[in-house]
Amino acid sequence: MSTAIANTHLVSVARFYESTIGKKAVMAATGLILFGFLIAHMLGNLQIFLGRSFLSCCTSGLRSRLPC
């Protein structure tokens, strides 16, 4: 891609963000990402009510996937 095309694209993205619609779109996208993060962690924390054996199984699976 040439530099002129890349600069034109960058200017159009910057112009979109400077508008109120662009700022609202960015705010909505980051809100959805944070909401998904919240739900994922809430579901992870609620696993404590499924019992000790289930939680032990899940933690051993996490330990085997993550490097120490």
N, C-alpha and C. Protein backbone atom coordinates (compact mmCIF):
# COMPACT_ATOMS: atom_id res chain seq x y z
N MET A 1 0.85 -1.16 0.00
CA MET A 1 0.00 0.00 0.00
C MET A 1 0.90 1.23 0.00
N SER A 2 0.55 2.18 -0.82
CA SER A 2 1.41 3.36 -0.90
C SER A 2 1.14 4.26 0.30
N THR A 3 2.06 5.16 0.53
CA THR A 3 1.95 6.06 1.69
C THR A 3 0.80 7.04 1.53
N ALA A 4 0.54 7.47 0.30
CA ALA A 4 -0.55 8.42 0.08
C ALA A 4 -1.90 7.80 0.41
N ILE A 5 -2.08 6.54 0.03
CA ILE A 5 -3.34 5.85 0.32
C ILE A 5 -3.47 5.62 1.83
N ALA A 6 -2.37 5.24 2.49
CA ALA A 6 -2.39 5.00 3.92
C ALA A 6 -2.70 6.30 4.67
N ASN A 7 -2.11 7.40 4.23
CA ASN A 7 -2.37 8.68 4.89
C ASN A 7 -3.81 9.11 4.70
N THR A 8 -4.36 8.88 3.51
CA THR A 8 -5.75 9.23 3.25
C THR A 8 -6.68 8.41 4.14
N HIS A 9 -6.37 7.14 4.28
CA HIS A 9 -7.18 6.28 5.14
C HIS A 9 -7.08 6.73 6.59
N LEU A 10 -5.89 7.07 7.05
CA LEU A 10 -5.68 7.52 8.41
C LEU A 10 -6.44 8.82 8.69
N VAL A 11 -6.44 9.71 7.70
CA VAL A 11 -7.15 10.98 7.87
C VAL A 11 -8.65 10.73 7.96
N SER A 12 -9.18 9.80 7.17
CA SER A 12 -10.62 9.52 7.24
C SER A 12 -11.00 8.88 8.57
N VAL A 13 -10.13 8.04 9.11
CA VAL A 13 -10.40 7.44 10.43
C VAL A 13 -10.35 8.51 11.50
N ALA A 14 -9.37 9.40 11.42
CA ALA A 14 -9.27 10.48 12.40
C ALA A 14 -10.47 11.41 12.31
N ARG A 15 -10.94 11.68 11.12
CA ARG A 15 -12.09 12.54 10.93
C ARG A 15 -13.35 11.88 11.49
N PHE A 16 -13.45 10.56 11.32
CA PHE A 16 -14.61 9.83 11.87
C PHE A 16 -14.59 9.89 13.39
N TYR A 17 -13.41 9.73 14.00
CA TYR A 17 -13.32 9.75 15.46
C TYR A 17 -13.62 11.14 16.02
N GLU A 18 -13.28 12.17 15.29
CA GLU A 18 -13.53 13.53 15.77
C GLU A 18 -15.01 13.88 15.78
N SER A 19 -15.83 13.16 15.02
CA SER A 19 -17.26 13.43 15.01
C SER A 19 -17.90 12.84 16.27
N THR A 20 -19.09 13.34 16.59
CA THR A 20 -19.77 12.82 17.78
C THR A 20 -20.23 11.38 17.56
N ILE A 21 -20.59 11.04 16.35
CA ILE A 21 -21.00 9.65 16.05
C ILE A 21 -19.81 8.72 16.24
N GLY A 22 -18.63 9.13 15.80
CA GLY A 22 -17.43 8.31 15.95
C GLY A 22 -17.09 8.07 17.41
N LYS A 23 -17.20 9.12 18.21
CA LYS A 23 -16.90 8.97 19.64
C LYS A 23 -17.92 8.05 20.31
N LYS A 24 -19.18 8.15 19.90
CA LYS A 24 -20.20 7.27 20.47
C LYS A 24 -19.98 5.82 20.03
N ALA A 25 -19.52 5.62 18.81
CA ALA A 25 -19.24 4.26 18.33
C ALA A 25 -18.09 3.64 19.10
N VAL A 26 -17.04 4.42 19.35
CA VAL A 26 -15.90 3.92 20.12
C VAL A 26 -16.33 3.63 21.55
N MET A 27 -17.14 4.50 22.13
CA MET A 27 -17.63 4.29 23.49
C MET A 27 -18.49 3.02 23.57
N ALA A 28 -19.33 2.79 22.57
CA ALA A 28 -20.17 1.60 22.56
C ALA A 28 -19.32 0.33 22.41
N ALA A 29 -18.32 0.37 21.54
CA ALA A 29 -17.47 -0.81 21.33
C ALA A 29 -16.68 -1.14 22.60
N THR A 30 -16.10 -0.14 23.24
CA THR A 30 -15.35 -0.42 24.47
C THR A 30 -16.28 -0.86 25.60
N GLY A 31 -17.50 -0.33 25.61
CA GLY A 31 -18.47 -0.77 26.61
C GLY A 31 -18.84 -2.23 26.44
N LEU A 32 -19.01 -2.66 25.20
CA LEU A 32 -19.32 -4.08 24.94
C LEU A 32 -18.15 -4.98 25.33
N ILE A 33 -16.95 -4.54 25.06
CA ILE A 33 -15.77 -5.33 25.44
C ILE A 33 -15.69 -5.45 26.96
N LEU A 34 -15.87 -4.35 27.66
CA LEU A 34 -15.81 -4.40 29.13
C LEU A 34 -16.96 -5.22 29.71
N PHE A 35 -18.14 -5.15 29.09
CA PHE A 35 -19.27 -5.94 29.56
C PHE A 35 -18.98 -7.44 29.39
N GLY A 36 -18.39 -7.81 28.27
CA GLY A 36 -18.00 -9.21 28.05
C GLY A 36 -16.97 -9.67 29.06
N PHE A 37 -16.01 -8.81 29.37
CA PHE A 37 -14.99 -9.11 30.38
C PHE A 37 -15.65 -9.34 31.74
N LEU A 38 -16.59 -8.49 32.08
CA LEU A 38 -17.29 -8.60 33.36
C LEU A 38 -18.07 -9.91 33.44
N ILE A 39 -18.80 -10.26 32.40
CA ILE A 39 -19.60 -11.49 32.40
C ILE A 39 -18.69 -12.71 32.50
N ALA A 40 -17.58 -12.72 31.75
CA ALA A 40 -16.66 -13.86 31.79
C ALA A 40 -16.09 -14.07 33.18
N HIS A 41 -15.70 -13.01 33.83
CA HIS A 41 -15.13 -13.14 35.17
C HIS A 41 -16.20 -13.48 36.21
N MET A 42 -17.40 -12.97 36.02
CA MET A 42 -18.48 -13.30 36.94
C MET A 42 -18.80 -14.79 36.85
N LEU A 43 -18.85 -15.33 35.63
CA LEU A 43 -19.12 -16.76 35.47
C LEU A 43 -17.99 -17.59 36.07
N GLY A 44 -16.77 -17.13 35.93
CA GLY A 44 -15.65 -17.84 36.54
C GLY A 44 -15.73 -17.84 38.05
N ASN A 45 -16.12 -16.72 38.63
CA ASN A 45 -16.23 -16.65 40.09
C ASN A 45 -17.43 -17.44 40.61
N LEU A 46 -18.48 -17.57 39.83
CA LEU A 46 -19.65 -18.32 40.27
C LEU A 46 -19.41 -19.83 40.28
N GLN A 47 -18.31 -20.29 39.73
CA GLN A 47 -18.01 -21.72 39.73
C GLN A 47 -17.77 -22.25 41.13
N ILE A 48 -17.54 -21.37 42.09
CA ILE A 48 -17.32 -21.83 43.45
C ILE A 48 -18.56 -22.52 44.01
N PHE A 49 -19.75 -22.17 43.48
CA PHE A 49 -20.99 -22.78 43.95
C PHE A 49 -21.26 -24.14 43.31
N LEU A 50 -20.43 -24.56 42.35
CA LEU A 50 -20.62 -25.86 41.71
C LEU A 50 -19.96 -26.99 42.48
N GLY A 51 -19.22 -26.67 43.50
CA GLY A 51 -18.61 -27.70 44.33
C GLY A 51 -17.10 -27.73 44.23
N ARG A 52 -16.52 -28.35 45.24
CA ARG A 52 -15.07 -28.40 45.36
C ARG A 52 -14.43 -29.25 44.26
N SER A 53 -15.05 -30.36 43.89
CA SER A 53 -14.45 -31.24 42.89
C SER A 53 -14.44 -30.58 41.51
N PHE A 54 -15.51 -29.86 41.17
CA PHE A 54 -15.55 -29.17 39.88
C PHE A 54 -14.50 -28.07 39.83
N LEU A 55 -14.37 -27.31 40.90
CA LEU A 55 -13.40 -26.22 40.95
C LEU A 55 -11.97 -26.77 40.89
N SER A 56 -11.73 -27.89 41.55
CA SER A 56 -10.41 -28.51 41.52
C SER A 56 -10.06 -28.98 40.11
N CYS A 57 -11.04 -29.54 39.42
CA CYS A 57 -10.84 -29.99 38.04
C CYS A 57 -10.50 -28.81 37.13
N CYS A 58 -11.23 -27.70 37.30
CA CYS A 58 -10.99 -26.51 36.47
C CYS A 58 -9.62 -25.91 36.73
N THR A 59 -9.22 -25.83 37.99
CA THR A 59 -7.92 -25.23 38.30
C THR A 59 -6.78 -26.10 37.81
N SER A 60 -6.94 -27.41 37.86
CA SER A 60 -5.87 -28.27 37.34
C SER A 60 -5.76 -28.12 35.83
N GLY A 61 -6.88 -27.90 35.16
CA GLY A 61 -6.85 -27.66 33.71
C GLY A 61 -6.17 -26.35 33.39
N LEU A 62 -6.40 -25.33 34.20
CA LEU A 62 -5.73 -24.04 33.97
C LEU A 62 -4.22 -24.15 34.21
N ARG A 63 -3.85 -24.88 35.25
CA ARG A 63 -2.43 -25.01 35.56
C ARG A 63 -1.67 -25.76 34.47
N SER A 64 -2.33 -26.71 33.82
CA SER A 64 -1.64 -27.48 32.78
C SER A 64 -1.49 -26.65 31.49
N ARG A 65 -2.37 -25.65 31.28
CA ARG A 65 -2.29 -24.82 30.06
C ARG A 65 -1.36 -23.63 30.20
N LEU A 66 -1.23 -23.11 31.40
CA LEU A 66 -0.44 -21.89 31.59
C LEU A 66 0.98 -22.22 31.97
N PRO A 67 1.95 -21.49 31.40
CA PRO A 67 3.35 -21.72 31.80
C PRO A 67 3.60 -21.15 33.20
N CYS A 68 4.42 -21.83 33.96
CA CYS A 68 4.72 -21.36 35.33
C CYS A 68 5.92 -20.43 35.36
